[in-house]
Amino acid sequence: MTTVHVAASESGAQFLAPNQIVPLLIGATVDEVERELVLQTLARCDGNRTRASRVLGLSVRTLRNKIRIYAASGIDVPAYQD
């Protein structure tokens, strides 16, 4: 499965309507979609796990466990930035 990233414009984030997003998700597994959502949320939260967990509706512990799995698989996880 090829990961599709939506580039943000210079002026800010690009938002897509649900009917534009669904075609990008077809053919992806739920795990792949979840991983992409977690990683992009972390990136938008500048790696702040507490803030990302609130946005995602997950506990910090659950998010940390997911990050640990991704990192063990060799996936780059956005680090916290001041």
PDB file of N, CA and C in Angstrom:
ATOM      1  N   MET A   1       0.847  -1.190   0.000  1.00  0.00           N
ATOM      2  CA  MET A   1       0.000   0.000   0.000  1.00  0.00           C
ATOM      3  C   MET A   1       0.880   1.236   0.000  1.00  0.00           C
ATOM      4  N   THR A   2       0.613   2.143  -0.882  1.00  0.00           N
ATOM      5  CA  THR A   2       1.336   3.400  -0.975  1.00  0.00           C
ATOM      6  C   THR A   2       0.648   4.442  -0.111  1.00  0.00           C
ATOM      7  N   THR A   3       1.428   5.119   0.713  1.00  0.00           N
ATOM      8  CA  THR A   3       0.880   6.154   1.565  1.00  0.00           C
ATOM      9  C   THR A   3       0.707   7.428   0.762  1.00  0.00           C
ATOM     10  N   VAL A   4      -0.456   8.042   0.889  1.00  0.00           N
ATOM     11  CA  VAL A   4      -0.745   9.293   0.191  1.00  0.00           C
ATOM     12  C   VAL A   4      -0.765  10.415   1.214  1.00  0.00           C
ATOM     13  N   HIS A   5       0.105  11.386   1.018  1.00  0.00           N
ATOM     14  CA  HIS A   5       0.151  12.546   1.901  1.00  0.00           C
ATOM     15  C   HIS A   5      -0.467  13.727   1.181  1.00  0.00           C
ATOM     16  N   VAL A   6      -1.265  14.483   1.896  1.00  0.00           N
ATOM     17  CA  VAL A   6      -1.846  15.704   1.340  1.00  0.00           C
ATOM     18  C   VAL A   6      -0.968  16.854   1.791  1.00  0.00           C
ATOM     19  N   ALA A   7      -0.363  17.521   0.841  1.00  0.00           N
ATOM     20  CA  ALA A   7       0.552  18.614   1.170  1.00  0.00           C
ATOM     21  C   ALA A   7      -0.220  19.827   1.658  1.00  0.00           C
ATOM     22  N   ALA A   8       0.329  20.473   2.645  1.00  0.00           N
ATOM     23  CA  ALA A   8      -0.271  21.707   3.154  1.00  0.00           C
ATOM     24  C   ALA A   8       0.271  22.876   2.350  1.00  0.00           C
ATOM     25  N   SER A   9      -0.569  23.839   2.115  1.00  0.00           N
ATOM     26  CA  SER A   9      -0.132  25.032   1.403  1.00  0.00           C
ATOM     27  C   SER A   9       0.716  25.885   2.337  1.00  0.00           C
ATOM     28  N   GLU A  10       1.393  26.863   1.772  1.00  0.00           N
ATOM     29  CA  GLU A  10       2.232  27.728   2.592  1.00  0.00           C
ATOM     30  C   GLU A  10       1.423  28.524   3.603  1.00  0.00           C
ATOM     31  N   SER A  11       0.191  28.839   3.278  1.00  0.00           N
ATOM     32  CA  SER A  11      -0.621  29.666   4.164  1.00  0.00           C
ATOM     33  C   SER A  11      -1.287  28.866   5.269  1.00  0.00           C
ATOM     34  N   GLY A  12      -1.219  27.535   5.210  1.00  0.00           N
ATOM     35  CA  GLY A  12      -1.833  26.735   6.260  1.00  0.00           C
ATOM     36  C   GLY A  12      -2.222  25.367   5.757  1.00  0.00           C
ATOM     37  N   ALA A  13      -2.945  24.645   6.590  1.00  0.00           N
ATOM     38  CA  ALA A  13      -3.328  23.277   6.281  1.00  0.00           C
ATOM     39  C   ALA A  13      -4.385  23.246   5.183  1.00  0.00           C
ATOM     40  N   GLN A  14      -4.327  22.201   4.385  1.00  0.00           N
ATOM     41  CA  GLN A  14      -5.327  22.000   3.344  1.00  0.00           C
ATOM     42  C   GLN A  14      -6.362  21.019   3.879  1.00  0.00           C
ATOM     43  N   PHE A  15      -7.621  21.385   3.851  1.00  0.00           N
ATOM     44  CA  PHE A  15      -8.684  20.540   4.363  1.00  0.00           C
ATOM     45  C   PHE A  15      -9.470  19.966   3.203  1.00  0.00           C
ATOM     46  N   LEU A  16      -9.762  18.677   3.283  1.00  0.00           N
ATOM     47  CA  LEU A  16     -10.518  18.000   2.242  1.00  0.00           C
ATOM     48  C   LEU A  16     -11.868  17.583   2.793  1.00  0.00           C
ATOM     49  N   ALA A  17     -12.876  17.606   1.944  1.00  0.00           N
ATOM     50  CA  ALA A  17     -14.207  17.136   2.319  1.00  0.00           C
ATOM     51  C   ALA A  17     -14.178  15.605   2.378  1.00  0.00           C
ATOM     52  N   PRO A  18     -15.075  15.004   3.167  1.00  0.00           N
ATOM     53  CA  PRO A  18     -15.099  13.536   3.275  1.00  0.00           C
ATOM     54  C   PRO A  18     -15.166  12.825   1.928  1.00  0.00           C
ATOM     55  N   ASN A  19     -15.922  13.386   0.962  1.00  0.00           N
ATOM     56  CA  ASN A  19     -16.015  12.721  -0.340  1.00  0.00           C
ATOM     57  C   ASN A  19     -14.702  12.800  -1.124  1.00  0.00           C
ATOM     58  N   GLN A  20     -13.782  13.650  -0.702  1.00  0.00           N
ATOM     59  CA  GLN A  20     -12.460  13.720  -1.316  1.00  0.00           C
ATOM     60  C   GLN A  20     -11.476  12.792  -0.608  1.00  0.00           C
ATOM     61  N   ILE A  21     -11.714  12.520   0.672  1.00  0.00           N
ATOM     62  CA  ILE A  21     -10.810  11.696   1.466  1.00  0.00           C
ATOM     63  C   ILE A  21     -11.056  10.213   1.234  1.00  0.00           C
ATOM     64  N   VAL A  22     -12.311   9.802   1.179  1.00  0.00           N
ATOM     65  CA  VAL A  22     -12.642   8.382   1.079  1.00  0.00           C
ATOM     66  C   VAL A  22     -11.947   7.702  -0.101  1.00  0.00           C
ATOM     67  N   PRO A  23     -11.916   8.285  -1.304  1.00  0.00           N
ATOM     68  CA  PRO A  23     -11.210   7.603  -2.398  1.00  0.00           C
ATOM     69  C   PRO A  23      -9.729   7.362  -2.108  1.00  0.00           C
ATOM     70  N   LEU A  24      -9.115   8.227  -1.306  1.00  0.00           N
ATOM     71  CA  LEU A  24      -7.714   8.040  -0.945  1.00  0.00           C
ATOM     72  C   LEU A  24      -7.530   6.866   0.012  1.00  0.00           C
ATOM     73  N   LEU A  25      -8.581   6.526   0.752  1.00  0.00           N
ATOM     74  CA  LEU A  25      -8.502   5.471   1.763  1.00  0.00           C
ATOM     75  C   LEU A  25      -8.847   4.093   1.218  1.00  0.00           C
ATOM     76  N   ILE A  26      -9.545   4.043   0.111  1.00  0.00           N
ATOM     77  CA  ILE A  26      -9.965   2.755  -0.438  1.00  0.00           C
ATOM     78  C   ILE A  26      -8.734   1.938  -0.790  1.00  0.00           C
ATOM     79  N   GLY A  27      -8.715   0.709  -0.312  1.00  0.00           N
ATOM     80  CA  GLY A  27      -7.584  -0.179  -0.542  1.00  0.00           C
ATOM     81  C   GLY A  27      -6.601  -0.204   0.606  1.00  0.00           C
ATOM     82  N   ALA A  28      -6.730   0.725   1.535  1.00  0.00           N
ATOM     83  CA  ALA A  28      -5.865   0.758   2.715  1.00  0.00           C
ATOM     84  C   ALA A  28      -6.516  -0.039   3.833  1.00  0.00           C
ATOM     85  N   THR A  29      -5.687  -0.676   4.652  1.00  0.00           N
ATOM     86  CA  THR A  29      -6.229  -1.380   5.814  1.00  0.00           C
ATOM     87  C   THR A  29      -6.534  -0.372   6.913  1.00  0.00           C
ATOM     88  N   VAL A  30      -7.328  -0.791   7.866  1.00  0.00           N
ATOM     89  CA  VAL A  30      -7.654   0.077   9.001  1.00  0.00           C
ATOM     90  C   VAL A  30      -6.376   0.431   9.763  1.00  0.00           C
ATOM     91  N   ASP A  31      -5.470  -0.530   9.906  1.00  0.00           N
ATOM     92  CA  ASP A  31      -4.200  -0.251  10.590  1.00  0.00           C
ATOM     93  C   ASP A  31      -3.394   0.813   9.867  1.00  0.00           C
ATOM     94  N   GLU A  32      -3.365   0.763   8.533  1.00  0.00           N
ATOM     95  CA  GLU A  32      -2.629   1.762   7.760  1.00  0.00           C
ATOM     96  C   GLU A  32      -3.251   3.143   7.901  1.00  0.00           C
ATOM     97  N   VAL A  33      -4.573   3.199   7.861  1.00  0.00           N
ATOM     98  CA  VAL A  33      -5.271   4.480   8.008  1.00  0.00           C
ATOM     99  C   VAL A  33      -5.036   5.036   9.405  1.00  0.00           C
ATOM    100  N   GLU A  34      -5.144   4.176  10.425  1.00  0.00           N
ATOM    101  CA  GLU A  34      -4.919   4.618  11.804  1.00  0.00           C
ATOM    102  C   GLU A  34      -3.500   5.129  11.983  1.00  0.00           C
ATOM    103  N   ARG A  35      -2.524   4.396  11.466  1.00  0.00           N
ATOM    104  CA  ARG A  35      -1.123   4.798  11.597  1.00  0.00           C
ATOM    105  C   ARG A  35      -0.898   6.161  10.956  1.00  0.00           C
ATOM    106  N   GLU A  36      -1.431   6.363   9.770  1.00  0.00           N
ATOM    107  CA  GLU A  36      -1.261   7.645   9.078  1.00  0.00           C
ATOM    108  C   GLU A  36      -1.922   8.781   9.860  1.00  0.00           C
ATOM    109  N   LEU A  37      -3.104   8.522  10.410  1.00  0.00           N
ATOM    110  CA  LEU A  37      -3.809   9.529  11.210  1.00  0.00           C
ATOM    111  C   LEU A  37      -3.000   9.886  12.453  1.00  0.00           C
ATOM    112  N   VAL A  38      -2.472   8.884  13.133  1.00  0.00           N
ATOM    113  CA  VAL A  38      -1.672   9.131  14.340  1.00  0.00           C
ATOM    114  C   VAL A  38      -0.422   9.928  13.989  1.00  0.00           C
ATOM    115  N   LEU A  39       0.294   9.510  12.953  1.00  0.00           N
ATOM    116  CA  LEU A  39       1.546  10.186  12.596  1.00  0.00           C
ATOM    117  C   LEU A  39       1.318  11.619  12.125  1.00  0.00           C
ATOM    118  N   GLN A  40       0.267  11.841  11.335  1.00  0.00           N
ATOM    119  CA  GLN A  40      -0.008  13.207  10.871  1.00  0.00           C
ATOM    120  C   GLN A  40      -0.495  14.095  12.017  1.00  0.00           C
ATOM    121  N   THR A  41      -1.259  13.521  12.941  1.00  0.00           N
ATOM    122  CA  THR A  41      -1.700  14.301  14.103  1.00  0.00           C
ATOM    123  C   THR A  41      -0.506  14.673  14.965  1.00  0.00           C
ATOM    124  N   LEU A  42       0.401  13.730  15.187  1.00  0.00           N
ATOM    125  CA  LEU A  42       1.623  14.036  15.939  1.00  0.00           C
ATOM    126  C   LEU A  42       2.422  15.145  15.260  1.00  0.00           C
ATOM    127  N   ALA A  43       2.527  15.079  13.948  1.00  0.00           N
ATOM    128  CA  ALA A  43       3.275  16.110  13.218  1.00  0.00           C
ATOM    129  C   ALA A  43       2.620  17.477  13.382  1.00  0.00           C
ATOM    130  N   ARG A  44       1.297  17.531  13.280  1.00  0.00           N
ATOM    131  CA  ARG A  44       0.585  18.812  13.432  1.00  0.00           C
ATOM    132  C   ARG A  44       0.644  19.342  14.858  1.00  0.00           C
ATOM    133  N   CYS A  45       0.842  18.431  15.817  1.00  0.00           N
ATOM    134  CA  CYS A  45       0.960  18.829  17.226  1.00  0.00           C
ATOM    135  C   CYS A  45       2.429  18.989  17.619  1.00  0.00           C
ATOM    136  N   ASP A  46       3.310  19.093  16.628  1.00  0.00           N
ATOM    137  CA  ASP A  46       4.743  19.267  16.848  1.00  0.00           C
ATOM    138  C   ASP A  46       5.322  18.197  17.758  1.00  0.00           C
ATOM    139  N   GLY A  47       4.813  16.973  17.638  1.00  0.00           N
ATOM    140  CA  GLY A  47       5.326  15.860  18.425  1.00  0.00           C
ATOM    141  C   GLY A  47       4.835  15.822  19.857  1.00  0.00           C
ATOM    142  N   ASN A  48       3.959  16.749  20.224  1.00  0.00           N
ATOM    143  CA  ASN A  48       3.434  16.807  21.594  1.00  0.00           C
ATOM    144  C   ASN A  48       2.416  15.671  21.779  1.00  0.00           C
ATOM    145  N   ARG A  49       2.810  14.639  22.505  1.00  0.00           N
ATOM    146  CA  ARG A  49       1.978  13.445  22.651  1.00  0.00           C
ATOM    147  C   ARG A  49       0.709  13.704  23.446  1.00  0.00           C
ATOM    148  N   THR A  50       0.786  14.566  24.438  1.00  0.00           N
ATOM    149  CA  THR A  50      -0.400  14.868  25.241  1.00  0.00           C
ATOM    150  C   THR A  50      -1.451  15.553  24.377  1.00  0.00           C
ATOM    151  N   ARG A  51      -1.025  16.547  23.631  1.00  0.00           N
ATOM    152  CA  ARG A  51      -1.964  17.270  22.758  1.00  0.00           C
ATOM    153  C   ARG A  51      -2.509  16.352  21.656  1.00  0.00           C
ATOM    154  N   ALA A  52      -1.637  15.540  21.053  1.00  0.00           N
ATOM    155  CA  ALA A  52      -2.065  14.624  20.002  1.00  0.00           C
ATOM    156  C   ALA A  52      -3.056  13.593  20.540  1.00  0.00           C
ATOM    157  N   SER A  53      -2.827  13.108  21.757  1.00  0.00           N
ATOM    158  CA  SER A  53      -3.748  12.117  22.323  1.00  0.00           C
ATOM    159  C   SER A  53      -5.124  12.726  22.560  1.00  0.00           C
ATOM    160  N   ARG A  54      -5.167  13.986  22.961  1.00  0.00           N
ATOM    161  CA  ARG A  54      -6.462  14.662  23.141  1.00  0.00           C
ATOM    162  C   ARG A  54      -7.189  14.824  21.807  1.00  0.00           C
ATOM    163  N   VAL A  55      -6.452  15.233  20.776  1.00  0.00           N
ATOM    164  CA  VAL A  55      -7.051  15.408  19.453  1.00  0.00           C
ATOM    165  C   VAL A  55      -7.600  14.085  18.936  1.00  0.00           C
ATOM    166  N   LEU A  56      -6.856  13.006  19.155  1.00  0.00           N
ATOM    167  CA  LEU A  56      -7.250  11.688  18.662  1.00  0.00           C
ATOM    168  C   LEU A  56      -8.282  10.987  19.545  1.00  0.00           C
ATOM    169  N   GLY A  57      -8.465  11.480  20.765  1.00  0.00           N
ATOM    170  CA  GLY A  57      -9.393  10.829  21.686  1.00  0.00           C
ATOM    171  C   GLY A  57      -8.827   9.552  22.270  1.00  0.00           C
ATOM    172  N   LEU A  58      -7.510   9.510  22.428  1.00  0.00           N
ATOM    173  CA  LEU A  58      -6.823   8.356  22.999  1.00  0.00           C
ATOM    174  C   LEU A  58      -6.172   8.751  24.313  1.00  0.00           C
ATOM    175  N   SER A  59      -5.915   7.763  25.146  1.00  0.00           N
ATOM    176  CA  SER A  59      -5.118   8.043  26.339  1.00  0.00           C
ATOM    177  C   SER A  59      -3.663   8.216  25.903  1.00  0.00           C
ATOM    178  N   VAL A  60      -2.892   8.927  26.697  1.00  0.00           N
ATOM    179  CA  VAL A  60      -1.477   9.113  26.387  1.00  0.00           C
ATOM    180  C   VAL A  60      -0.784   7.752  26.357  1.00  0.00           C
ATOM    181  N   ARG A  61      -1.159   6.858  27.236  1.00  0.00           N
ATOM    182  CA  ARG A  61      -0.564   5.522  27.286  1.00  0.00           C
ATOM    183  C   ARG A  61      -0.830   4.755  25.987  1.00  0.00           C
ATOM    184  N   THR A  62      -2.064   4.808  25.482  1.00  0.00           N
ATOM    185  CA  THR A  62      -2.394   4.119  24.227  1.00  0.00           C
ATOM    186  C   THR A  62      -1.596   4.707  23.078  1.00  0.00           C
ATOM    187  N   LEU A  63      -1.503   6.031  23.021  1.00  0.00           N
ATOM    188  CA  LEU A  63      -0.722   6.677  21.971  1.00  0.00           C
ATOM    189  C   LEU A  63       0.745   6.277  22.077  1.00  0.00           C
ATOM    190  N   ARG A  64       1.272   6.275  23.279  1.00  0.00           N
ATOM    191  CA  ARG A  64       2.670   5.884  23.488  1.00  0.00           C
ATOM    192  C   ARG A  64       2.907   4.451  23.009  1.00  0.00           C
ATOM    193  N   ASN A  65       1.969   3.554  23.300  1.00  0.00           N
ATOM    194  CA  ASN A  65       2.105   2.163  22.859  1.00  0.00           C
ATOM    195  C   ASN A  65       2.088   2.057  21.338  1.00  0.00           C
ATOM    196  N   LYS A  66       1.228   2.820  20.695  1.00  0.00           N
ATOM    197  CA  LYS A  66       1.178   2.816  19.232  1.00  0.00           C
ATOM    198  C   LYS A  66       2.492   3.352  18.660  1.00  0.00           C
ATOM    199  N   ILE A  67       3.017   4.420  19.243  1.00  0.00           N
ATOM    200  CA  ILE A  67       4.282   4.997  18.796  1.00  0.00           C
ATOM    201  C   ILE A  67       5.409   3.985  18.948  1.00  0.00           C
ATOM    202  N   ARG A  68       5.418   3.254  20.036  1.00  0.00           N
ATOM    203  CA  ARG A  68       6.446   2.240  20.281  1.00  0.00           C
ATOM    204  C   ARG A  68       6.400   1.162  19.183  1.00  0.00           C
ATOM    205  N   ILE A  69       5.204   0.739  18.808  1.00  0.00           N
ATOM    206  CA  ILE A  69       5.047  -0.267  17.753  1.00  0.00           C
ATOM    207  C   ILE A  69       5.543   0.279  16.417  1.00  0.00           C
ATOM    208  N   TYR A  70       5.164   1.524  16.111  1.00  0.00           N
ATOM    209  CA  TYR A  70       5.592   2.133  14.846  1.00  0.00           C
ATOM    210  C   TYR A  70       7.115   2.250  14.801  1.00  0.00           C
ATOM    211  N   ALA A  71       7.714   2.729  15.872  1.00  0.00           N
ATOM    212  CA  ALA A  71       9.167   2.903  15.918  1.00  0.00           C
ATOM    213  C   ALA A  71       9.885   1.560  15.785  1.00  0.00           C
ATOM    214  N   ALA A  72       9.356   0.513  16.409  1.00  0.00           N
ATOM    215  CA  ALA A  72       9.958  -0.810  16.312  1.00  0.00           C
ATOM    216  C   ALA A  72       9.886  -1.362  14.889  1.00  0.00           C
ATOM    217  N   SER A  73       8.894  -0.875  14.119  1.00  0.00           N
ATOM    218  CA  SER A  73       8.739  -1.297  12.724  1.00  0.00           C
ATOM    219  C   SER A  73       9.598  -0.463  11.777  1.00  0.00           C
ATOM    220  N   GLY A  74      10.346   0.480  12.322  1.00  0.00           N
ATOM    221  CA  GLY A  74      11.216   1.317  11.501  1.00  0.00           C
ATOM    222  C   GLY A  74      10.547   2.546  10.924  1.00  0.00           C
ATOM    223  N   ILE A  75       9.383   2.898  11.436  1.00  0.00           N
ATOM    224  CA  ILE A  75       8.653   4.063  10.944  1.00  0.00           C
ATOM    225  C   ILE A  75       9.118   5.301  11.708  1.00  0.00           C
ATOM    226  N   ASP A  76       9.408   6.375  10.977  1.00  0.00           N
ATOM    227  CA  ASP A  76       9.812   7.632  11.617  1.00  0.00           C
ATOM    228  C   ASP A  76       8.621   8.255  12.313  1.00  0.00           C
ATOM    229  N   VAL A  77       8.781   8.546  13.595  1.00  0.00           N
ATOM    230  CA  VAL A  77       7.713   9.157  14.394  1.00  0.00           C
ATOM    231  C   VAL A  77       8.135  10.599  14.697  1.00  0.00           C
ATOM    232  N   PRO A  78       7.251  11.580  14.436  1.00  0.00           N
ATOM    233  CA  PRO A  78       7.605  12.975  14.720  1.00  0.00           C
ATOM    234  C   PRO A  78       7.996  13.174  16.186  1.00  0.00           C
ATOM    235  N   ALA A  79       9.135  13.808  16.395  1.00  0.00           N
ATOM    236  CA  ALA A  79       9.636  14.073  17.737  1.00  0.00           C
ATOM    237  C   ALA A  79       9.099  15.405  18.234  1.00  0.00           C
ATOM    238  N   TYR A  80       9.069  15.560  19.549  1.00  0.00           N
ATOM    239  CA  TYR A  80       8.605  16.801  20.152  1.00  0.00           C
ATOM    240  C   TYR A  80       9.531  17.939  19.772  1.00  0.00           C
ATOM    241  N   GLN A  81       8.944  19.072  19.392  1.00  0.00           N
ATOM    242  CA  GLN A  81       9.718  20.269  19.042  1.00  0.00           C
ATOM    243  C   GLN A  81       9.196  21.452  19.821  1.00  0.00           C
ATOM    244  N   ASP A  82      10.119  22.214  20.398  1.00  0.00           N
ATOM    245  CA  ASP A  82       9.720  23.402  21.165  1.00  0.00           C
ATOM    246  C   ASP A  82       9.248  24.502  20.281  1.00  0.00           C
TER     247      ASP A  82
END
